[in-house]
């Protein structure tokens, strides 16, 4: 059971539910931004590199959202697939370098 609370006494239940749905989308965006795009783990020190990191993190979540619509899956599953594919390609490159 979910209890939603609002400080505005003039809001009815439907309005509170609608506001909660909008707010929840923001929470999902922030979770994906921090978890999938590593926004909080920026090793940058200078303002320019910090700005670049923030921009690219937001852009990465935007691209994940585009893939979400196309593939009909969530950000975390897409990230896992990308990680596996990148690891496979890196391993193949390593094998090619060792064979040379």
N, C-alpha and C. Protein backbone atom coordinates (compact mmCIF):
# COMPACT_ATOMS: atom_id res chain seq x y z
N UNK A 1 0.85 -1.18 0.00
CA UNK A 1 0.00 0.00 0.00
C UNK A 1 0.89 1.24 0.00
N UNK A 2 0.54 2.19 -0.83
CA UNK A 2 1.32 3.41 -0.97
C UNK A 2 0.48 4.59 -0.48
N UNK A 3 1.01 5.33 0.46
CA UNK A 3 0.35 6.52 0.98
C UNK A 3 1.07 7.75 0.47
N UNK A 4 0.37 8.57 -0.29
CA UNK A 4 0.95 9.80 -0.82
C UNK A 4 0.45 10.97 0.02
N UNK A 5 1.36 11.85 0.37
CA UNK A 5 1.04 12.99 1.22
C UNK A 5 1.38 14.27 0.48
N UNK A 6 0.54 15.28 0.63
CA UNK A 6 0.77 16.56 -0.01
C UNK A 6 0.45 17.67 0.99
N UNK A 7 1.25 18.73 1.00
CA UNK A 7 1.02 19.83 1.92
C UNK A 7 -0.09 20.76 1.44
N UNK A 8 -0.48 20.66 0.18
CA UNK A 8 -1.55 21.47 -0.37
C UNK A 8 -2.89 20.78 -0.09
N UNK A 9 -3.67 21.33 0.83
CA UNK A 9 -4.93 20.69 1.22
C UNK A 9 -5.99 20.81 0.14
N UNK A 10 -5.77 21.65 -0.86
CA UNK A 10 -6.75 21.82 -1.93
C UNK A 10 -6.62 20.72 -3.00
N UNK A 11 -5.51 19.97 -2.99
CA UNK A 11 -5.31 18.91 -3.98
C UNK A 11 -6.17 17.69 -3.66
N UNK A 12 -6.75 17.13 -4.71
CA UNK A 12 -7.49 15.89 -4.52
C UNK A 12 -6.54 14.71 -4.80
N UNK A 13 -7.03 13.51 -4.64
CA UNK A 13 -6.21 12.31 -4.80
C UNK A 13 -5.65 12.13 -6.19
N UNK A 14 -6.44 12.46 -7.20
CA UNK A 14 -5.98 12.30 -8.57
C UNK A 14 -4.84 13.26 -8.89
N UNK A 15 -4.92 14.48 -8.40
CA UNK A 15 -3.87 15.47 -8.64
C UNK A 15 -2.58 15.06 -7.93
N UNK A 16 -2.70 14.56 -6.71
CA UNK A 16 -1.53 14.11 -5.97
C UNK A 16 -0.87 12.95 -6.70
N UNK A 17 -1.66 12.02 -7.21
CA UNK A 17 -1.13 10.88 -7.95
C UNK A 17 -0.43 11.34 -9.23
N UNK A 18 -1.00 12.30 -9.94
CA UNK A 18 -0.39 12.82 -11.16
C UNK A 18 0.94 13.49 -10.85
N UNK A 19 1.00 14.28 -9.78
CA UNK A 19 2.24 14.93 -9.38
C UNK A 19 3.30 13.90 -8.98
N UNK A 20 2.87 12.85 -8.32
CA UNK A 20 3.80 11.80 -7.90
C UNK A 20 4.40 11.09 -9.10
N UNK A 21 3.59 10.83 -10.13
CA UNK A 21 4.09 10.17 -11.34
C UNK A 21 5.15 11.03 -12.03
N UNK A 22 4.91 12.34 -12.07
CA UNK A 22 5.89 13.25 -12.66
C UNK A 22 7.16 13.25 -11.82
N UNK A 23 7.01 13.32 -10.51
CA UNK A 23 8.17 13.35 -9.61
C UNK A 23 8.96 12.05 -9.72
N UNK A 24 8.28 10.94 -9.88
CA UNK A 24 8.97 9.66 -9.96
C UNK A 24 9.87 9.59 -11.19
N UNK A 25 9.44 10.19 -12.32
CA UNK A 25 10.27 10.22 -13.52
C UNK A 25 11.57 10.98 -13.26
N UNK A 26 11.50 12.03 -12.47
CA UNK A 26 12.70 12.79 -12.11
C UNK A 26 13.63 11.92 -11.27
N UNK A 27 13.07 11.15 -10.33
CA UNK A 27 13.87 10.27 -9.49
C UNK A 27 14.57 9.20 -10.33
N UNK A 28 13.87 8.64 -11.29
CA UNK A 28 14.46 7.63 -12.18
C UNK A 28 15.60 8.24 -12.98
N UNK A 29 15.41 9.46 -13.46
CA UNK A 29 16.46 10.16 -14.21
C UNK A 29 17.69 10.35 -13.34
N UNK A 30 17.51 10.81 -12.10
CA UNK A 30 18.64 11.04 -11.20
C UNK A 30 19.35 9.73 -10.87
N UNK A 31 18.60 8.67 -10.67
CA UNK A 31 19.21 7.37 -10.39
C UNK A 31 20.06 6.91 -11.57
N UNK A 32 19.51 7.04 -12.76
CA UNK A 32 20.26 6.64 -13.95
C UNK A 32 21.47 7.54 -14.16
N UNK A 33 21.33 8.81 -13.88
CA UNK A 33 22.44 9.75 -14.02
C UNK A 33 23.59 9.39 -13.09
N UNK A 34 23.28 9.04 -11.86
CA UNK A 34 24.32 8.70 -10.90
C UNK A 34 24.86 7.29 -11.09
N UNK A 35 23.99 6.33 -11.39
CA UNK A 35 24.41 4.94 -11.49
C UNK A 35 24.99 4.60 -12.85
N UNK A 36 24.28 4.92 -13.91
CA UNK A 36 24.70 4.52 -15.25
C UNK A 36 25.69 5.48 -15.89
N UNK A 37 25.60 6.75 -15.60
CA UNK A 37 26.48 7.74 -16.24
C UNK A 37 27.60 8.21 -15.32
N UNK A 38 27.67 7.70 -14.11
CA UNK A 38 28.76 7.99 -13.16
C UNK A 38 28.96 9.48 -12.91
N UNK A 39 27.88 10.20 -12.78
CA UNK A 39 28.00 11.64 -12.55
C UNK A 39 28.72 11.95 -11.24
N UNK A 40 28.40 11.23 -10.19
CA UNK A 40 28.97 11.53 -8.88
C UNK A 40 30.43 11.08 -8.75
N UNK A 41 30.89 10.21 -9.65
CA UNK A 41 32.25 9.68 -9.55
C UNK A 41 33.23 10.41 -10.47
N UNK A 42 33.01 11.66 -10.69
CA UNK A 42 33.88 12.43 -11.57
C UNK A 42 35.22 12.70 -10.89
N UNK A 43 36.32 12.33 -11.54
CA UNK A 43 37.64 12.60 -10.96
C UNK A 43 38.18 13.98 -11.34
N UNK A 44 37.35 14.81 -11.92
CA UNK A 44 37.82 16.10 -12.45
C UNK A 44 38.06 17.10 -11.33
N UNK A 45 38.96 18.06 -11.62
CA UNK A 45 39.29 19.11 -10.66
C UNK A 45 39.00 20.51 -11.20
N UNK A 46 39.15 20.69 -12.49
CA UNK A 46 38.97 22.02 -13.09
C UNK A 46 37.52 22.21 -13.53
N UNK A 47 37.10 23.45 -13.56
CA UNK A 47 35.72 23.78 -13.89
C UNK A 47 35.36 23.32 -15.30
N UNK A 48 36.26 23.50 -16.24
CA UNK A 48 35.98 23.11 -17.63
C UNK A 48 35.77 21.60 -17.74
N UNK A 49 36.63 20.82 -17.11
CA UNK A 49 36.47 19.37 -17.19
C UNK A 49 35.25 18.90 -16.40
N UNK A 50 34.92 19.58 -15.31
CA UNK A 50 33.70 19.25 -14.57
C UNK A 50 32.46 19.52 -15.41
N UNK A 51 32.45 20.66 -16.10
CA UNK A 51 31.32 20.98 -16.98
C UNK A 51 31.20 19.95 -18.10
N UNK A 52 32.33 19.56 -18.67
CA UNK A 52 32.30 18.55 -19.73
C UNK A 52 31.77 17.22 -19.20
N UNK A 53 32.19 16.84 -17.99
CA UNK A 53 31.73 15.58 -17.41
C UNK A 53 30.22 15.61 -17.15
N UNK A 54 29.73 16.71 -16.62
CA UNK A 54 28.29 16.83 -16.36
C UNK A 54 27.52 16.77 -17.68
N UNK A 55 27.97 17.50 -18.68
CA UNK A 55 27.29 17.49 -19.97
C UNK A 55 27.26 16.09 -20.58
N UNK A 56 28.41 15.41 -20.59
CA UNK A 56 28.47 14.09 -21.19
C UNK A 56 27.67 13.06 -20.39
N UNK A 57 27.58 13.23 -19.08
CA UNK A 57 26.75 12.34 -18.26
C UNK A 57 25.29 12.50 -18.62
N UNK A 58 24.84 13.73 -18.75
CA UNK A 58 23.45 13.98 -19.13
C UNK A 58 23.19 13.46 -20.54
N UNK A 59 24.14 13.66 -21.44
CA UNK A 59 24.01 13.17 -22.81
C UNK A 59 23.95 11.64 -22.84
N UNK A 60 24.75 10.98 -21.99
CA UNK A 60 24.73 9.52 -21.93
C UNK A 60 23.37 9.00 -21.48
N UNK A 61 22.77 9.65 -20.49
CA UNK A 61 21.44 9.23 -20.04
C UNK A 61 20.40 9.50 -21.13
N UNK A 62 20.57 10.60 -21.85
CA UNK A 62 19.67 10.88 -22.98
C UNK A 62 19.76 9.77 -24.02
N UNK A 63 20.99 9.35 -24.37
CA UNK A 63 21.16 8.27 -25.33
C UNK A 63 20.58 6.96 -24.81
N UNK A 64 20.74 6.70 -23.52
CA UNK A 64 20.13 5.50 -22.92
C UNK A 64 18.61 5.56 -23.02
N UNK A 65 18.05 6.74 -22.83
CA UNK A 65 16.59 6.89 -22.94
C UNK A 65 16.14 6.66 -24.37
N UNK A 66 16.90 7.14 -25.34
CA UNK A 66 16.57 6.88 -26.76
C UNK A 66 16.61 5.39 -27.05
N UNK A 67 17.63 4.71 -26.55
CA UNK A 67 17.71 3.26 -26.72
C UNK A 67 16.60 2.54 -25.97
N UNK A 68 16.20 3.11 -24.86
CA UNK A 68 15.10 2.54 -24.08
C UNK A 68 13.82 2.49 -24.92
N UNK A 69 13.53 3.55 -25.63
CA UNK A 69 12.34 3.57 -26.49
C UNK A 69 12.47 2.59 -27.65
N UNK A 70 13.69 2.51 -28.20
CA UNK A 70 13.90 1.65 -29.36
C UNK A 70 13.89 0.17 -28.98
N UNK A 71 14.57 -0.19 -27.88
CA UNK A 71 14.72 -1.58 -27.50
C UNK A 71 13.68 -2.09 -26.49
N UNK A 72 12.91 -1.18 -25.94
CA UNK A 72 11.87 -1.52 -24.96
C UNK A 72 12.44 -2.23 -23.73
N UNK A 73 13.56 -1.71 -23.22
CA UNK A 73 14.17 -2.24 -22.01
C UNK A 73 14.67 -1.08 -21.17
N UNK A 74 15.09 -1.35 -19.94
CA UNK A 74 15.49 -0.25 -19.05
C UNK A 74 16.97 0.10 -19.21
N UNK A 75 17.36 1.20 -18.59
CA UNK A 75 18.72 1.71 -18.71
C UNK A 75 19.76 0.72 -18.20
N UNK A 76 19.44 0.03 -17.13
CA UNK A 76 20.40 -0.87 -16.51
C UNK A 76 20.68 -2.08 -17.41
N UNK A 77 19.66 -2.60 -18.07
CA UNK A 77 19.84 -3.72 -18.99
C UNK A 77 20.64 -3.28 -20.22
N UNK A 78 20.37 -2.09 -20.70
CA UNK A 78 21.12 -1.56 -21.86
C UNK A 78 22.58 -1.38 -21.48
N UNK A 79 22.84 -0.83 -20.31
CA UNK A 79 24.21 -0.63 -19.85
C UNK A 79 24.93 -1.97 -19.73
N UNK A 80 24.27 -2.98 -19.22
CA UNK A 80 24.89 -4.30 -19.10
C UNK A 80 25.23 -4.87 -20.48
N UNK A 81 24.33 -4.73 -21.43
CA UNK A 81 24.60 -5.22 -22.79
C UNK A 81 25.79 -4.48 -23.41
N UNK A 82 25.84 -3.15 -23.23
CA UNK A 82 26.96 -2.37 -23.76
C UNK A 82 28.28 -2.78 -23.12
N UNK A 83 28.25 -3.03 -21.83
CA UNK A 83 29.46 -3.44 -21.11
C UNK A 83 29.96 -4.79 -21.61
N UNK A 84 29.05 -5.73 -21.79
CA UNK A 84 29.43 -7.06 -22.28
C UNK A 84 30.01 -6.96 -23.69
N UNK A 85 29.37 -6.20 -24.55
CA UNK A 85 29.84 -6.04 -25.93
C UNK A 85 31.22 -5.37 -25.96
N UNK A 86 31.43 -4.34 -25.15
CA UNK A 86 32.72 -3.66 -25.11
C UNK A 86 33.80 -4.59 -24.59
N UNK A 87 33.49 -5.40 -23.59
CA UNK A 87 34.45 -6.36 -23.06
C UNK A 87 34.82 -7.41 -24.11
N UNK A 88 33.83 -7.89 -24.85
CA UNK A 88 34.10 -8.87 -25.91
C UNK A 88 35.00 -8.27 -26.99
N UNK A 89 34.74 -7.05 -27.39
CA UNK A 89 35.56 -6.41 -28.42
C UNK A 89 36.98 -6.15 -27.92
N UNK A 90 37.11 -5.75 -26.66
CA UNK A 90 38.45 -5.53 -26.09
C UNK A 90 39.22 -6.84 -26.03
N UNK A 91 38.55 -7.91 -25.67
CA UNK A 91 39.20 -9.22 -25.61
C UNK A 91 39.63 -9.68 -27.01
N UNK A 92 38.78 -9.45 -28.00
CA UNK A 92 39.14 -9.82 -29.36
C UNK A 92 40.35 -9.01 -29.84
N UNK A 93 40.39 -7.74 -29.49
CA UNK A 93 41.54 -6.89 -29.85
C UNK A 93 42.81 -7.38 -29.17
N UNK A 94 42.70 -7.77 -27.92
CA UNK A 94 43.83 -8.30 -27.18
C UNK A 94 44.35 -9.59 -27.82
N UNK A 95 43.44 -10.45 -28.23
CA UNK A 95 43.82 -11.70 -28.89
C UNK A 95 44.53 -11.39 -30.21
N UNK A 96 44.04 -10.42 -30.95
CA UNK A 96 44.66 -10.06 -32.22
C UNK A 96 46.07 -9.50 -32.00
N UNK A 97 46.26 -8.72 -30.95
CA UNK A 97 47.58 -8.16 -30.65
C UNK A 97 48.55 -9.26 -30.22
N UNK A 98 48.07 -10.24 -29.49
CA UNK A 98 48.93 -11.32 -29.03
C UNK A 98 49.34 -12.23 -30.20
N UNK A 99 48.46 -12.38 -31.19
CA UNK A 99 48.74 -13.23 -32.32
C UNK A 99 49.76 -12.58 -33.28
N UNK A 100 49.85 -11.27 -33.21
CA UNK A 100 50.74 -10.56 -34.15
C UNK A 100 52.19 -10.68 -33.78
